[in-house]
Structures are given as C-alpha cells and as structure tokens.
Amino acid sequence: MKKILFVCLGNICRSPLAEGIARDYITKNRLDITVDGAGTGNWHVGDNPFHYAQQVGLEFGVDITQLKARQVKQSDFEEFDLLVGLDEKNVADLKNLGCTNVVKLGNYLEGNPDIPDPYFFDGYEGYDKVFKLIEQGVINLINKEK
C-alpha cells in the first residue's frame, strides 16, 4: 500500500484540504493508498482545520471537519513513500529536516505553481481557487502514483 503525506505550514488549510480531497478520490476509485497531512510548524497542533478551509471543503463535498493538525516528524520520512509539500518553502523545510522523498504538489500542475496559503487571505475570497488547484494537483498526483 502506498502512503502519501501532504505537508503545508500549519496543517489547518492546504494540507487538510489535500488530505480530504485525496481520501475522497481514493475511496471513490477504490485505490490502495493511505494519506495523511501535517504541518512544518507546531502552532496549530491538535486544532481542527481553519473554518474557511472546512467551509470550502463542504461546499465541494469534502468533509475535513474532524481532522486534527499535527507537526511533521522525522519518522514520517520513513513511514510515508512520498511527502508532498504545498509550496517551495514547505519542500525546502522538509529537505532541511533530512527528507529525501519529497515533491511539490505544483509539479503535478501546469506551470508548477506554489499553492498559495489561504490562511493569509483577507477573508474567504479565493478559497475556492485554492481548493480547485489542490484538487487538480492531488488527482494528477494520485493518477501518476497509483
């Protein structure tokens, strides 16, 4: 069974959305893949996803309300086949921690973009665009890795 870990900064917006989207896609397509999410920082450990992330997920039929933030740990580098950073900074942070099996989600999107962190948006505006970017990247990634 393949194991994928999605990683962003605080594990309350982008990586929970990626995890939820991936779980939904994996379930619908009956794939043998396990996914999880984590953050490089520890500010939100134990918290549920940010309310706007929960809201956009529910609007698109992906329920992430029960997820809890956690910080990435060294054992994740061995436990997971692939760690997926949501932007270049996440990838660089993971590499600095010694992770070698890391890619950027944008590698699976045209133009290799960073996924912007919607936590720093002014309100809810733009969460739908971030959701769609993550969704397309996750689907492309899973279809390539399955």
Protein backbone atom coordinates (compact mmCIF):
# COMPACT_ATOMS: atom_id res chain seq x y z
CA MET A 1 0.00 0.00 0.00
CA LYS A 2 1.33 3.40 -0.99
CA LYS A 3 1.42 6.08 1.74
CA ILE A 4 1.39 9.82 0.95
CA LEU A 5 1.76 12.71 3.42
CA PHE A 6 0.62 16.22 2.41
CA VAL A 7 2.56 18.98 4.16
CA CYS A 8 1.94 22.71 4.47
CA LEU A 9 2.88 25.29 7.08
CA GLY A 10 0.37 24.81 9.89
CA ASN A 11 -1.74 21.84 8.74
CA ILE A 12 -5.01 23.79 9.04
CA CYS A 13 -5.76 24.88 5.43
CA ARG A 14 -3.95 23.41 2.44
CA SER A 15 -2.74 20.01 3.66
CA PRO A 16 -6.09 19.10 5.29
CA LEU A 17 -7.82 20.02 2.03
CA ALA A 18 -5.32 17.90 0.08
CA GLU A 19 -5.80 15.02 2.52
CA GLY A 20 -9.60 15.25 2.34
CA ILE A 21 -9.65 15.52 -1.44
CA ALA A 22 -7.25 12.57 -1.73
CA ARG A 23 -9.27 10.39 0.66
CA ASP A 24 -12.44 11.14 -1.26
CA TYR A 25 -10.80 10.36 -4.61
CA ILE A 26 -9.11 7.20 -3.28
CA THR A 27 -12.39 5.92 -1.81
CA LYS A 28 -14.39 6.63 -4.97
CA ASN A 29 -11.78 4.87 -7.11
CA ARG A 30 -11.12 2.01 -4.66
CA LEU A 31 -7.37 2.60 -4.60
CA ASP A 32 -4.92 1.09 -2.12
CA ILE A 33 -3.36 4.36 -0.93
CA THR A 34 -3.21 5.85 2.57
CA VAL A 35 -2.94 9.61 3.04
CA ASP A 36 -2.36 11.97 5.95
CA GLY A 37 -1.49 15.61 6.49
CA ALA A 38 1.00 17.52 8.63
CA GLY A 39 2.50 20.95 9.06
CA THR A 40 6.11 22.05 9.27
CA GLY A 41 5.18 24.35 12.17
CA ASN A 42 3.68 23.49 15.55
CA TRP A 43 1.35 26.49 16.12
CA HIS A 44 -1.90 24.64 15.46
CA VAL A 45 -1.16 21.09 16.72
CA GLY A 46 -4.43 19.48 17.84
CA ASP A 47 -6.61 22.12 16.15
CA ASN A 48 -9.31 21.40 13.60
CA PRO A 49 -8.82 22.88 10.14
CA PHE A 50 -9.40 26.63 9.79
CA HIS A 51 -13.12 27.40 9.46
CA TYR A 52 -12.80 28.75 5.91
CA ALA A 53 -10.98 25.55 4.85
CA GLN A 54 -13.78 23.49 6.40
CA GLN A 55 -16.36 25.67 4.63
CA VAL A 56 -14.83 25.39 1.16
CA GLY A 57 -14.37 21.64 1.62
CA LEU A 58 -18.03 21.18 2.50
CA GLU A 59 -19.08 23.35 -0.46
CA PHE A 60 -17.22 20.94 -2.75
CA GLY A 61 -18.41 17.81 -0.90
CA VAL A 62 -15.22 17.11 1.06
CA ASP A 63 -15.62 16.93 4.84
CA ILE A 64 -12.41 17.78 6.71
CA THR A 65 -14.11 18.94 9.91
CA GLN A 66 -12.84 16.03 12.02
CA LEU A 67 -9.17 16.32 11.04
CA LYS A 68 -6.65 17.50 13.64
CA ALA A 69 -3.43 19.37 12.90
CA ARG A 70 -0.12 17.73 13.67
CA GLN A 71 3.51 18.60 13.07
CA VAL A 72 5.63 16.55 10.68
CA LYS A 73 8.13 14.30 12.44
CA GLN A 74 11.31 12.51 11.41
CA SER A 75 9.58 9.10 11.43
CA ASP A 76 7.25 10.37 8.67
CA PHE A 77 10.21 10.34 6.27
CA GLU A 78 10.42 6.55 6.64
CA GLU A 79 6.73 5.79 7.15
CA PHE A 80 5.49 7.56 4.01
CA ASP A 81 6.53 6.70 0.47
CA LEU A 82 6.08 10.31 -0.62
CA LEU A 83 5.81 13.64 1.16
CA VAL A 84 4.09 16.36 -0.84
CA GLY A 85 4.83 19.98 0.01
CA LEU A 86 2.20 22.52 -0.97
CA ASP A 87 4.79 25.18 -1.87
CA GLU A 88 8.56 25.61 -2.37
CA LYS A 89 9.09 26.73 1.24
CA ASN A 90 7.41 23.57 2.56
CA VAL A 91 9.60 21.44 0.27
CA ALA A 92 12.75 23.31 1.35
CA ASP A 93 11.82 22.96 5.04
CA LEU A 94 11.29 19.20 4.60
CA LYS A 95 14.62 18.82 2.78
CA ASN A 96 16.36 20.80 5.55
CA LEU A 97 14.93 18.29 8.04
CA GLY A 98 16.53 15.48 6.03
CA CYS A 99 13.58 14.32 3.93
CA THR A 100 14.60 12.96 0.53
CA ASN A 101 11.27 11.58 -0.72
CA VAL A 102 9.58 14.98 -1.19
CA VAL A 103 7.92 16.66 -4.17
CA LYS A 104 5.91 19.83 -4.63
CA LEU A 105 2.22 19.44 -5.43
CA GLY A 106 2.67 22.06 -8.14
CA ASN A 107 4.85 19.55 -10.04
CA TYR A 108 1.55 17.89 -10.97
CA LEU A 109 0.02 21.11 -12.31
CA GLU A 110 0.70 23.09 -15.45
CA GLY A 111 3.27 25.77 -14.74
CA ASN A 112 4.47 24.13 -11.49
CA PRO A 113 2.82 26.74 -9.24
CA ASP A 114 3.06 27.08 -5.48
CA ILE A 115 -0.33 26.60 -3.83
CA PRO A 116 -0.97 29.93 -2.08
CA ASP A 117 -1.66 29.78 1.64
CA PRO A 118 -5.27 30.95 2.04
CA TYR A 119 -4.81 31.41 5.80
CA PHE A 120 -3.22 34.74 4.92
CA PHE A 121 -6.05 35.81 2.60
CA ASP A 122 -8.29 38.64 3.73
CA GLY A 123 -11.39 36.54 4.45
CA TYR A 124 -12.94 33.72 2.47
CA GLU A 125 -12.34 35.16 -1.01
CA GLY A 126 -10.07 32.87 -3.03
CA TYR A 127 -10.50 29.66 -1.04
CA ASP A 128 -12.42 28.17 -3.98
CA LYS A 129 -9.46 28.80 -6.31
CA VAL A 130 -7.06 27.20 -3.84
CA PHE A 131 -9.39 24.21 -3.46
CA LYS A 132 -9.52 23.70 -7.24
CA LEU A 133 -5.73 23.95 -7.58
CA ILE A 134 -5.23 21.42 -4.80
CA GLU A 135 -7.92 19.13 -6.21
CA GLN A 136 -6.38 19.04 -9.69
CA GLY A 137 -2.88 18.53 -8.30
CA VAL A 138 -4.00 15.74 -5.97
CA ILE A 139 -5.90 13.91 -8.73
CA ASN A 140 -2.93 14.21 -11.11
CA LEU A 141 -0.55 13.02 -8.38
CA ILE A 142 -2.66 10.01 -7.41
CA ASN A 143 -3.22 9.00 -11.02
CA LYS A 144 0.54 9.08 -11.58
CA GLU A 145 1.48 7.33 -8.31
CA LYS A 146 -1.22 4.62 -8.08
